[in-house]
Amino acid sequence: NHSWSTKEVEIINSMFLLTAKPSIYL
């Protein structure tokens, strides 16, 4: 839910964080 730069996105993607997954609440 936060904004990240292109370089930060690449690092975060490599970490496979659970809270980095886009979510929809049903």
mmCIF file of all heavy atoms, coordinates in Angstrom:
data_MODEL
# 
_entry.id   MODEL 
# 
loop_
_atom_site.group_PDB 
_atom_site.id 
_atom_site.type_symbol 
_atom_site.label_atom_id 
_atom_site.label_alt_id 
_atom_site.label_comp_id 
_atom_site.label_asym_id 
_atom_site.label_entity_id 
_atom_site.label_seq_id 
_atom_site.pdbx_PDB_ins_code 
_atom_site.Cartn_x 
_atom_site.Cartn_y 
_atom_site.Cartn_z 
_atom_site.occupancy 
_atom_site.B_iso_or_equiv 
_atom_site.pdbx_formal_charge 
_atom_site.auth_seq_id 
_atom_site.auth_comp_id 
_atom_site.auth_asym_id 
_atom_site.auth_atom_id 
_atom_site.pdbx_PDB_model_num 
ATOM 1   N N   . ASN A 1 1  ? 0.804   -1.220  0.000   1.00 0.00 ? 1  ASN A N   1 
ATOM 2   C CA  . ASN A 1 1  ? 0.000   0.000   0.000   1.00 0.00 ? 1  ASN A CA  1 
ATOM 3   C C   . ASN A 1 1  ? 0.838   1.271   0.000   1.00 0.00 ? 1  ASN A C   1 
ATOM 4   O O   . ASN A 1 1  ? 0.309   2.354   0.210   1.00 0.00 ? 1  ASN A O   1 
ATOM 5   C CB  . ASN A 1 1  ? -0.935  -0.009  1.206   1.00 0.00 ? 1  ASN A CB  1 
ATOM 6   C CG  . ASN A 1 1  ? -1.877  -1.190  1.185   1.00 0.00 ? 1  ASN A CG  1 
ATOM 7   O OD1 . ASN A 1 1  ? -1.713  -2.120  1.951   1.00 0.00 ? 1  ASN A OD1 1 
ATOM 8   N ND2 . ASN A 1 1  ? -2.827  -1.203  0.275   1.00 0.00 ? 1  ASN A ND2 1 
ATOM 9   N N   . HIS A 1 2  ? 2.139   1.140   -0.249  1.00 0.00 ? 2  HIS A N   1 
ATOM 10  C CA  . HIS A 1 2  ? 3.021   2.298   -0.271  1.00 0.00 ? 2  HIS A CA  1 
ATOM 11  C C   . HIS A 1 2  ? 3.665   2.446   -1.648  1.00 0.00 ? 2  HIS A C   1 
ATOM 12  O O   . HIS A 1 2  ? 3.700   1.502   -2.440  1.00 0.00 ? 2  HIS A O   1 
ATOM 13  C CB  . HIS A 1 2  ? 4.072   2.179   0.825   1.00 0.00 ? 2  HIS A CB  1 
ATOM 14  C CG  . HIS A 1 2  ? 3.481   2.346   2.200   1.00 0.00 ? 2  HIS A CG  1 
ATOM 15  N ND1 . HIS A 1 2  ? 3.547   3.516   2.903   1.00 0.00 ? 2  HIS A ND1 1 
ATOM 16  C CD2 . HIS A 1 2  ? 2.769   1.491   2.968   1.00 0.00 ? 2  HIS A CD2 1 
ATOM 17  C CE1 . HIS A 1 2  ? 2.911   3.372   4.051   1.00 0.00 ? 2  HIS A CE1 1 
ATOM 18  N NE2 . HIS A 1 2  ? 2.431   2.148   4.114   1.00 0.00 ? 2  HIS A NE2 1 
ATOM 19  N N   . SER A 1 3  ? 4.168   3.643   -1.921  1.00 0.00 ? 3  SER A N   1 
ATOM 20  C CA  . SER A 1 3  ? 4.788   3.927   -3.214  1.00 0.00 ? 3  SER A CA  1 
ATOM 21  C C   . SER A 1 3  ? 6.285   3.666   -3.142  1.00 0.00 ? 3  SER A C   1 
ATOM 22  O O   . SER A 1 3  ? 6.948   4.019   -2.159  1.00 0.00 ? 3  SER A O   1 
ATOM 23  C CB  . SER A 1 3  ? 4.535   5.392   -3.607  1.00 0.00 ? 3  SER A CB  1 
ATOM 24  O OG  . SER A 1 3  ? 3.151   5.621   -3.778  1.00 0.00 ? 3  SER A OG  1 
ATOM 25  N N   . TRP A 1 4  ? 6.811   3.058   -4.211  1.00 0.00 ? 4  TRP A N   1 
ATOM 26  C CA  . TRP A 1 4  ? 8.220   2.683   -4.255  1.00 0.00 ? 4  TRP A CA  1 
ATOM 27  C C   . TRP A 1 4  ? 8.805   3.064   -5.611  1.00 0.00 ? 4  TRP A C   1 
ATOM 28  O O   . TRP A 1 4  ? 8.104   3.068   -6.618  1.00 0.00 ? 4  TRP A O   1 
ATOM 29  C CB  . TRP A 1 4  ? 8.378   1.165   -4.019  1.00 0.00 ? 4  TRP A CB  1 
ATOM 30  C CG  . TRP A 1 4  ? 7.684   0.684   -2.781  1.00 0.00 ? 4  TRP A CG  1 
ATOM 31  C CD1 . TRP A 1 4  ? 6.468   0.086   -2.712  1.00 0.00 ? 4  TRP A CD1 1 
ATOM 32  C CD2 . TRP A 1 4  ? 8.150   0.787   -1.434  1.00 0.00 ? 4  TRP A CD2 1 
ATOM 33  N NE1 . TRP A 1 4  ? 6.144   -0.206  -1.423  1.00 0.00 ? 4  TRP A NE1 1 
ATOM 34  C CE2 . TRP A 1 4  ? 7.157   0.213   -0.600  1.00 0.00 ? 4  TRP A CE2 1 
ATOM 35  C CE3 . TRP A 1 4  ? 9.308   1.307   -0.841  1.00 0.00 ? 4  TRP A CE3 1 
ATOM 36  C CZ2 . TRP A 1 4  ? 7.296   0.149   0.782   1.00 0.00 ? 4  TRP A CZ2 1 
ATOM 37  C CZ3 . TRP A 1 4  ? 9.433   1.232   0.537   1.00 0.00 ? 4  TRP A CZ3 1 
ATOM 38  C CH2 . TRP A 1 4  ? 8.440   0.663   1.337   1.00 0.00 ? 4  TRP A CH2 1 
ATOM 39  N N   . SER A 1 5  ? 10.104  3.361   -5.619  1.00 0.00 ? 5  SER A N   1 
ATOM 40  C CA  . SER A 1 5  ? 10.791  3.684   -6.868  1.00 0.00 ? 5  SER A CA  1 
ATOM 41  C C   . SER A 1 5  ? 11.044  2.408   -7.667  1.00 0.00 ? 5  SER A C   1 
ATOM 42  O O   . SER A 1 5  ? 10.875  1.288   -7.149  1.00 0.00 ? 5  SER A O   1 
ATOM 43  C CB  . SER A 1 5  ? 12.125  4.370   -6.573  1.00 0.00 ? 5  SER A CB  1 
ATOM 44  O OG  . SER A 1 5  ? 13.034  3.449   -5.986  1.00 0.00 ? 5  SER A OG  1 
ATOM 45  N N   . THR A 1 6  ? 11.464  2.560   -8.909  1.00 0.00 ? 6  THR A N   1 
ATOM 46  C CA  . THR A 1 6  ? 11.752  1.402   -9.769  1.00 0.00 ? 6  THR A CA  1 
ATOM 47  C C   . THR A 1 6  ? 12.802  0.499   -9.136  1.00 0.00 ? 6  THR A C   1 
ATOM 48  O O   . THR A 1 6  ? 12.655  -0.736  -9.108  1.00 0.00 ? 6  THR A O   1 
ATOM 49  C CB  . THR A 1 6  ? 12.242  1.873   -11.150 1.00 0.00 ? 6  THR A CB  1 
ATOM 50  O OG1 . THR A 1 6  ? 11.243  2.723   -11.735 1.00 0.00 ? 6  THR A OG1 1 
ATOM 51  C CG2 . THR A 1 6  ? 12.493  0.691   -12.078 1.00 0.00 ? 6  THR A CG2 1 
ATOM 52  N N   . LYS A 1 7  ? 13.871  1.101   -8.610  1.00 0.00 ? 7  LYS A N   1 
ATOM 53  C CA  . LYS A 1 7  ? 14.938  0.321   -7.988  1.00 0.00 ? 7  LYS A CA  1 
ATOM 54  C C   . LYS A 1 7  ? 14.432  -0.400  -6.737  1.00 0.00 ? 7  LYS A C   1 
ATOM 55  O O   . LYS A 1 7  ? 14.750  -1.562  -6.497  1.00 0.00 ? 7  LYS A O   1 
ATOM 56  C CB  . LYS A 1 7  ? 16.107  1.236   -7.612  1.00 0.00 ? 7  LYS A CB  1 
ATOM 57  C CG  . LYS A 1 7  ? 17.346  0.494   -7.107  1.00 0.00 ? 7  LYS A CG  1 
ATOM 58  C CD  . LYS A 1 7  ? 18.459  1.436   -6.696  1.00 0.00 ? 7  LYS A CD  1 
ATOM 59  C CE  . LYS A 1 7  ? 19.022  2.191   -7.882  1.00 0.00 ? 7  LYS A CE  1 
ATOM 60  N NZ  . LYS A 1 7  ? 20.191  3.042   -7.499  1.00 0.00 ? 7  LYS A NZ  1 
ATOM 61  N N   . GLU A 1 8  ? 13.593  0.280   -5.950  1.00 0.00 ? 8  GLU A N   1 
ATOM 62  C CA  . GLU A 1 8  ? 13.039  -0.332  -4.737  1.00 0.00 ? 8  GLU A CA  1 
ATOM 63  C C   . GLU A 1 8  ? 12.103  -1.485  -5.082  1.00 0.00 ? 8  GLU A C   1 
ATOM 64  O O   . GLU A 1 8  ? 12.094  -2.521  -4.394  1.00 0.00 ? 8  GLU A O   1 
ATOM 65  C CB  . GLU A 1 8  ? 12.303  0.730   -3.918  1.00 0.00 ? 8  GLU A CB  1 
ATOM 66  C CG  . GLU A 1 8  ? 13.233  1.726   -3.245  1.00 0.00 ? 8  GLU A CG  1 
ATOM 67  C CD  . GLU A 1 8  ? 12.491  2.890   -2.614  1.00 0.00 ? 8  GLU A CD  1 
ATOM 68  O OE1 . GLU A 1 8  ? 11.369  3.201   -3.064  1.00 0.00 ? 8  GLU A OE1 1 
ATOM 69  O OE2 . GLU A 1 8  ? 13.049  3.497   -1.678  1.00 0.00 ? 8  GLU A OE2 1 
ATOM 70  N N   . VAL A 1 9  ? 11.318  -1.315  -6.148  1.00 0.00 ? 9  VAL A N   1 
ATOM 71  C CA  . VAL A 1 9  ? 10.409  -2.392  -6.576  1.00 0.00 ? 9  VAL A CA  1 
ATOM 72  C C   . VAL A 1 9  ? 11.197  -3.656  -6.912  1.00 0.00 ? 9  VAL A C   1 
ATOM 73  O O   . VAL A 1 9  ? 10.810  -4.778  -6.541  1.00 0.00 ? 9  VAL A O   1 
ATOM 74  C CB  . VAL A 1 9  ? 9.556   -1.931  -7.783  1.00 0.00 ? 9  VAL A CB  1 
ATOM 75  C CG1 . VAL A 1 9  ? 8.877   -3.127  -8.454  1.00 0.00 ? 9  VAL A CG1 1 
ATOM 76  C CG2 . VAL A 1 9  ? 8.513   -0.912  -7.339  1.00 0.00 ? 9  VAL A CG2 1 
ATOM 77  N N   . GLU A 1 10 ? 12.325  -3.495  -7.612  1.00 0.00 ? 10 GLU A N   1 
ATOM 78  C CA  . GLU A 1 10 ? 13.148  -4.659  -7.970  1.00 0.00 ? 10 GLU A CA  1 
ATOM 79  C C   . GLU A 1 10 ? 13.642  -5.392  -6.727  1.00 0.00 ? 10 GLU A C   1 
ATOM 80  O O   . GLU A 1 10 ? 13.632  -6.622  -6.662  1.00 0.00 ? 10 GLU A O   1 
ATOM 81  C CB  . GLU A 1 10 ? 14.337  -4.216  -8.828  1.00 0.00 ? 10 GLU A CB  1 
ATOM 82  C CG  . GLU A 1 10 ? 13.978  -3.876  -10.258 1.00 0.00 ? 10 GLU A CG  1 
ATOM 83  C CD  . GLU A 1 10 ? 13.322  -5.042  -10.995 1.00 0.00 ? 10 GLU A CD  1 
ATOM 84  O OE1 . GLU A 1 10 ? 13.860  -6.166  -10.929 1.00 0.00 ? 10 GLU A OE1 1 
ATOM 85  O OE2 . GLU A 1 10 ? 12.267  -4.836  -11.616 1.00 0.00 ? 10 GLU A OE2 1 
ATOM 86  N N   . ILE A 1 11 ? 14.068  -4.639  -5.722  1.00 0.00 ? 11 ILE A N   1 
ATOM 87  C CA  . ILE A 1 11 ? 14.556  -5.267  -4.485  1.00 0.00 ? 11 ILE A CA  1 
ATOM 88  C C   . ILE A 1 11 ? 13.414  -5.950  -3.740  1.00 0.00 ? 11 ILE A C   1 
ATOM 89  O O   . ILE A 1 11 ? 13.540  -7.103  -3.301  1.00 0.00 ? 11 ILE A O   1 
ATOM 90  C CB  . ILE A 1 11 ? 15.234  -4.207  -3.585  1.00 0.00 ? 11 ILE A CB  1 
ATOM 91  C CG1 . ILE A 1 11 ? 16.505  -3.682  -4.255  1.00 0.00 ? 11 ILE A CG1 1 
ATOM 92  C CG2 . ILE A 1 11 ? 15.562  -4.797  -2.209  1.00 0.00 ? 11 ILE A CG2 1 
ATOM 93  C CD1 . ILE A 1 11 ? 17.110  -2.455  -3.581  1.00 0.00 ? 11 ILE A CD1 1 
ATOM 94  N N   . ILE A 1 12 ? 12.284  -5.252  -3.611  1.00 0.00 ? 12 ILE A N   1 
ATOM 95  C CA  . ILE A 1 12 ? 11.140  -5.823  -2.889  1.00 0.00 ? 12 ILE A CA  1 
ATOM 96  C C   . ILE A 1 12 ? 10.634  -7.081  -3.590  1.00 0.00 ? 12 ILE A C   1 
ATOM 97  O O   . ILE A 1 12 ? 10.294  -8.074  -2.940  1.00 0.00 ? 12 ILE A O   1 
ATOM 98  C CB  . ILE A 1 12 ? 10.019  -4.773  -2.743  1.00 0.00 ? 12 ILE A CB  1 
ATOM 99  C CG1 . ILE A 1 12 ? 10.488  -3.630  -1.836  1.00 0.00 ? 12 ILE A CG1 1 
ATOM 100 C CG2 . ILE A 1 12 ? 8.751   -5.403  -2.177  1.00 0.00 ? 12 ILE A CG2 1 
ATOM 101 C CD1 . ILE A 1 12 ? 9.568   -2.427  -1.825  1.00 0.00 ? 12 ILE A CD1 1 
ATOM 102 N N   . ASN A 1 13 ? 10.593  -7.067  -4.920  1.00 0.00 ? 13 ASN A N   1 
ATOM 103 C CA  . ASN A 1 13 ? 10.166  -8.260  -5.658  1.00 0.00 ? 13 ASN A CA  1 
ATOM 104 C C   . ASN A 1 13 ? 11.054  -9.454  -5.344  1.00 0.00 ? 13 ASN A C   1 
ATOM 105 O O   . ASN A 1 13 ? 10.591  -10.602 -5.281  1.00 0.00 ? 13 ASN A O   1 
ATOM 106 C CB  . ASN A 1 13 ? 10.180  -7.991  -7.164  1.00 0.00 ? 13 ASN A CB  1 
ATOM 107 C CG  . ASN A 1 13 ? 8.984   -7.176  -7.630  1.00 0.00 ? 13 ASN A CG  1 
ATOM 108 O OD1 . ASN A 1 13 ? 8.029   -6.980  -6.895  1.00 0.00 ? 13 ASN A OD1 1 
ATOM 109 N ND2 . ASN A 1 13 ? 9.038   -6.687  -8.851  1.00 0.00 ? 13 ASN A ND2 1 
ATOM 110 N N   . SER A 1 14 ? 12.350  -9.213  -5.157  1.00 0.00 ? 14 SER A N   1 
ATOM 111 C CA  . SER A 1 14 ? 13.283  -10.309 -4.881  1.00 0.00 ? 14 SER A CA  1 
ATOM 112 C C   . SER A 1 14 ? 13.099  -10.897 -3.482  1.00 0.00 ? 14 SER A C   1 
ATOM 113 O O   . SER A 1 14 ? 13.573  -11.992 -3.196  1.00 0.00 ? 14 SER A O   1 
ATOM 114 C CB  . SER A 1 14 ? 14.725  -9.830  -5.044  1.00 0.00 ? 14 SER A CB  1 
ATOM 115 O OG  . SER A 1 14 ? 15.108  -8.983  -3.966  1.00 0.00 ? 14 SER A OG  1 
ATOM 116 N N   . MET A 1 15 ? 12.394  -10.177 -2.604  1.00 0.00 ? 15 MET A N   1 
ATOM 117 C CA  . MET A 1 15 ? 12.218  -10.618 -1.216  1.00 0.00 ? 15 MET A CA  1 
ATOM 118 C C   . MET A 1 15 ? 10.959  -11.476 -1.028  1.00 0.00 ? 15 MET A C   1 
ATOM 119 O O   . MET A 1 15 ? 10.804  -12.130 0.002   1.00 0.00 ? 15 MET A O   1 
ATOM 120 C CB  . MET A 1 15 ? 12.163  -9.402  -0.297  1.00 0.00 ? 15 MET A CB  1 
ATOM 121 C CG  . MET A 1 15 ? 13.471  -8.614  -0.252  1.00 0.00 ? 15 MET A CG  1 
ATOM 122 S SD  . MET A 1 15 ? 13.318  -7.038  0.630   1.00 0.00 ? 15 MET A SD  1 
ATOM 123 C CE  . MET A 1 15 ? 13.064  -7.613  2.316   1.00 0.00 ? 15 MET A CE  1 
ATOM 124 N N   . PHE A 1 16 ? 10.032  -11.453 -1.992  1.00 0.00 ? 16 PHE A N   1 
ATOM 125 C CA  . PHE A 1 16 ? 8.796   -12.260 -1.941  1.00 0.00 ? 16 PHE A CA  1 
ATOM 126 C C   . PHE A 1 16 ? 8.027   -12.033 -0.633  1.00 0.00 ? 16 PHE A C   1 
ATOM 127 O O   . PHE A 1 16 ? 7.600   -12.982 0.024   1.00 0.00 ? 16 PHE A O   1 
ATOM 128 C CB  . PHE A 1 16 ? 9.106   -13.750 -2.127  1.00 0.00 ? 16 PHE A CB  1 
ATOM 129 C CG  . PHE A 1 16 ? 9.726   -14.074 -3.445  1.00 0.00 ? 16 PHE A CG  1 
ATOM 130 C CD1 . PHE A 1 16 ? 11.096  -14.280 -3.539  1.00 0.00 ? 16 PHE A CD1 1 
ATOM 131 C CD2 . PHE A 1 16 ? 8.975   -14.148 -4.600  1.00 0.00 ? 16 PHE A CD2 1 
ATOM 132 C CE1 . PHE A 1 16 ? 11.695  -14.574 -4.756  1.00 0.00 ? 16 PHE A CE1 1 
ATOM 133 C CE2 . PHE A 1 16 ? 9.558   -14.434 -5.828  1.00 0.00 ? 16 PHE A CE2 1 
ATOM 134 C CZ  . PHE A 1 16 ? 10.930  -14.645 -5.897  1.00 0.00 ? 16 PHE A CZ  1 
ATOM 135 N N   . LEU A 1 17 ? 7.838   -10.784 -0.271  1.00 0.00 ? 17 LEU A N   1 
ATOM 136 C CA  . LEU A 1 17 ? 7.149   -10.470 0.978   1.00 0.00 ? 17 LEU A CA  1 
ATOM 137 C C   . LEU A 1 17 ? 5.648   -10.738 0.863   1.00 0.00 ? 17 LEU A C   1 
ATOM 138 O O   . LEU A 1 17 ? 5.030   -10.477 -0.166  1.00 0.00 ? 17 LEU A O   1 
ATOM 139 C CB  . LEU A 1 17 ? 7.386   -9.005  1.340   1.00 0.00 ? 17 LEU A CB  1 
ATOM 140 C CG  . LEU A 1 17 ? 8.845   -8.618  1.617   1.00 0.00 ? 17 LEU A CG  1 
ATOM 141 C CD1 . LEU A 1 17 ? 8.949   -7.117  1.855   1.00 0.00 ? 17 LEU A CD1 1 
ATOM 142 C CD2 . LEU A 1 17 ? 9.402   -9.389  2.802   1.00 0.00 ? 17 LEU A CD2 1 
ATOM 143 N N   . LEU A 1 18 ? 5.065   -11.227 1.956   1.00 0.00 ? 18 LEU A N   1 
ATOM 144 C CA  . LEU A 1 18 ? 3.648   -11.567 1.954   1.00 0.00 ? 18 LEU A CA  1 
ATOM 145 C C   . LEU A 1 18 ? 2.771   -10.325 1.865   1.00 0.00 ? 18 LEU A C   1 
ATOM 146 O O   . LEU A 1 18 ? 1.737   -10.329 1.198   1.00 0.00 ? 18 LEU A O   1 
ATOM 147 C CB  . LEU A 1 18 ? 3.302   -12.352 3.229   1.00 0.00 ? 18 LEU A CB  1 
ATOM 148 C CG  . LEU A 1 18 ? 4.147   -13.613 3.483   1.00 0.00 ? 18 LEU A CG  1 
ATOM 149 C CD1 . LEU A 1 18 ? 3.800   -14.214 4.831   1.00 0.00 ? 18 LEU A CD1 1 
ATOM 150 C CD2 . LEU A 1 18 ? 3.934   -14.633 2.382   1.00 0.00 ? 18 LEU A CD2 1 
ATOM 151 N N   . THR A 1 19 ? 3.177   -9.245  2.545   1.00 0.00 ? 19 THR A N   1 
ATOM 152 C CA  . THR A 1 19 ? 2.359   -8.029  2.536   1.00 0.00 ? 19 THR A CA  1 
ATOM 153 C C   . THR A 1 19 ? 2.600   -7.180  1.294   1.00 0.00 ? 19 THR A C   1 
ATOM 154 O O   . THR A 1 19 ? 2.010   -6.109  1.160   1.00 0.00 ? 19 THR A O   1 
ATOM 155 C CB  . THR A 1 19 ? 2.631   -7.173  3.790   1.00 0.00 ? 19 THR A CB  1 
ATOM 156 O OG1 . THR A 1 19 ? 3.999   -6.737  3.773   1.00 0.00 ? 19 THR A OG1 1 
ATOM 157 C CG2 . THR A 1 19 ? 2.351   -7.949  5.056   1.00 0.00 ? 19 THR A CG2 1 
ATOM 158 N N   . ALA A 1 20 ? 3.464   -7.656  0.398   1.00 0.00 ? 20 ALA A N   1 
ATOM 159 C CA  . ALA A 1 20 ? 3.648   -6.978  -0.890  1.00 0.00 ? 20 ALA A CA  1 
ATOM 160 C C   . ALA A 1 20 ? 2.677   -7.511  -1.935  1.00 0.00 ? 20 ALA A C   1 
ATOM 161 O O   . ALA A 1 20 ? 2.629   -6.999  -3.057  1.00 0.00 ? 20 ALA A O   1 
ATOM 162 C CB  . ALA A 1 20 ? 5.086   -7.146  -1.373  1.00 0.00 ? 20 ALA A CB  1 
ATOM 163 N N   . LYS A 1 21 ? 1.916   -8.543  -1.578  1.00 0.00 ? 21 LYS A N   1 
ATOM 164 C CA  . LYS A 1 21 ? 0.949   -9.113  -2.524  1.00 0.00 ? 21 LYS A CA  1 
ATOM 165 C C   . LYS A 1 21 ? -0.279  -8.209  -2.616  1.00 0.00 ? 21 LYS A C   1 
ATOM 166 O O   . LYS A 1 21 ? -0.873  -7.860  -1.597  1.00 0.00 ? 21 LYS A O   1 
ATOM 167 C CB  . LYS A 1 21 ? 0.492   -10.506 -2.058  1.00 0.00 ? 21 LYS A CB  1 
ATOM 168 C CG  . LYS A 1 21 ? 1.604   -11.480 -1.722  1.00 0.00 ? 21 LYS A CG  1 
ATOM 169 C CD  . LYS A 1 21 ? 2.274   -12.022 -2.938  1.00 0.00 ? 21 LYS A CD  1 
ATOM 170 C CE  . LYS A 1 21 ? 3.323   -13.077 -2.570  1.00 0.00 ? 21 LYS A CE  1 
ATOM 171 N NZ  . LYS A 1 21 ? 4.087   -13.521 -3.734  1.00 0.00 ? 21 LYS A NZ  1 
ATOM 172 N N   . PRO A 1 22 ? -0.692  -7.823  -3.820  1.00 0.00 ? 22 PRO A N   1 
ATOM 173 C CA  . PRO A 1 22 ? -1.945  -7.074  -3.962  1.00 0.00 ? 22 PRO A CA  1 
ATOM 174 C C   . PRO A 1 22 ? -3.108  -7.891  -3.394  1.00 0.00 ? 22 PRO A C   1 
ATOM 175 O O   . PRO A 1 22 ? -3.177  -9.104  -3.604  1.00 0.00 ? 22 PRO A O   1 
ATOM 176 C CB  . PRO A 1 22 ? -2.087  -6.899  -5.474  1.00 0.00 ? 22 PRO A CB  1 
ATOM 177 C CG  . PRO A 1 22 ? -0.708  -7.098  -6.014  1.00 0.00 ? 22 PRO A CG  1 
ATOM 178 C CD  . PRO A 1 22 ? -0.044  -8.072  -5.109  1.00 0.00 ? 22 PRO A CD  1 
ATOM 179 N N   . SER A 1 23 ? -3.990  -7.226  -2.658  1.00 0.00 ? 23 SER A N   1 
ATOM 180 C CA  . SER A 1 23 ? -5.083  -7.937  -1.997  1.00 0.00 ? 23 SER A CA  1 
ATOM 181 C C   . SER A 1 23 ? -6.432  -7.337  -2.350  1.00 0.00 ? 23 SER A C   1 
ATOM 182 O O   . SER A 1 23 ? -6.567  -6.122  -2.512  1.00 0.00 ? 23 SER A O   1 
ATOM 183 C CB  . SER A 1 23 ? -4.903  -7.896  -0.475  1.00 0.00 ? 23 SER A CB  1 
ATOM 184 O OG  . SER A 1 23 ? -3.786  -8.640  -0.067  1.00 0.00 ? 23 SER A OG  1 
ATOM 185 N N   . ILE A 1 24 ? -7.411  -8.212  -2.437  1.00 0.00 ? 24 ILE A N   1 
ATOM 186 C CA  . ILE A 1 24 ? -8.810  -7.806  -2.532  1.00 0.00 ? 24 ILE A CA  1 
ATOM 187 C C   . ILE A 1 24 ? -9.534  -8.478  -1.374  1.00 0.00 ? 24 ILE A C   1 
ATOM 188 O O   . ILE A 1 24 ? -9.361  -9.679  -1.123  1.00 0.00 ? 24 ILE A O   1 
ATOM 189 C CB  . ILE A 1 24 ? -9.432  -8.222  -3.879  1.00 0.00 ? 24 ILE A CB  1 
ATOM 190 C CG1 . ILE A 1 24 ? -8.810  -7.406  -5.016  1.00 0.00 ? 24 ILE A CG1 1 
ATOM 191 C CG2 . ILE A 1 24 ? -10.942 -8.040  -3.863  1.00 0.00 ? 24 ILE A CG2 1 
ATOM 192 C CD1 . ILE A 1 24 ? -9.307  -7.797  -6.397  1.00 0.00 ? 24 ILE A CD1 1 
ATOM 193 N N   . TYR A 1 25 ? -10.339 -7.696  -0.657  1.00 0.00 ? 25 TYR A N   1 
ATOM 194 C CA  . TYR A 1 25 ? -11.055 -8.226  0.510   1.00 0.00 ? 25 TYR A CA  1 
ATOM 195 C C   . TYR A 1 25 ? -12.457 -8.647  0.093   1.00 0.00 ? 25 TYR A C   1 
ATOM 196 O O   . TYR A 1 25 ? -13.234 -7.838  -0.426  1.00 0.00 ? 25 TYR A O   1 
ATOM 197 C CB  . TYR A 1 25 ? -11.112 -7.166  1.609   1.00 0.00 ? 25 TYR A CB  1 
ATOM 198 C CG  . TYR A 1 25 ? -9.744  -6.834  2.171   1.00 0.00 ? 25 TYR A CG  1 
ATOM 199 C CD1 . TYR A 1 25 ? -8.944  -5.854  1.578   1.00 0.00 ? 25 TYR A CD1 1 
ATOM 200 C CD2 . TYR A 1 25 ? -9.240  -7.516  3.271   1.00 0.00 ? 25 TYR A CD2 1 
ATOM 201 C CE1 . TYR A 1 25 ? -7.682  -5.569  2.069   1.00 0.00 ? 25 TYR A CE1 1 
ATOM 202 C CE2 . TYR A 1 25 ? -7.978  -7.232  3.770   1.00 0.00 ? 25 TYR A CE2 1 
ATOM 203 C CZ  . TYR A 1 25 ? -7.201  -6.264  3.167   1.00 0.00 ? 25 TYR A CZ  1 
ATOM 204 O OH  . TYR A 1 25 ? -5.951  -5.989  3.657   1.00 0.00 ? 25 TYR A OH  1 
ATOM 205 N N   . LEU A 1 26 ? -12.767 -9.913  0.302   1.00 0.00 ? 26 LEU A N   1 
ATOM 206 C CA  . LEU A 1 26 ? -14.078 -10.469 -0.046  1.00 0.00 ? 26 LEU A CA  1 
ATOM 207 C C   . LEU A 1 26 ? -14.878 -10.626 1.240   1.00 0.00 ? 26 LEU A C   1 
ATOM 208 O O   . LEU A 1 26 ? -14.521 -11.423 2.113   1.00 0.00 ? 26 LEU A O   1 
ATOM 209 C CB  . LEU A 1 26 ? -13.915 -11.825 -0.743  1.00 0.00 ? 26 LEU A CB  1 
ATOM 210 C CG  . LEU A 1 26 ? -13.038 -11.828 -1.999  1.00 0.00 ? 26 LEU A CG  1 
ATOM 211 C CD1 . LEU A 1 26 ? -12.991 -13.232 -2.599  1.00 0.00 ? 26 LEU A CD1 1 
ATOM 212 C CD2 . LEU A 1 26 ? -13.552 -10.832 -3.031  1.00 0.00 ? 26 LEU A CD2 1 
# 
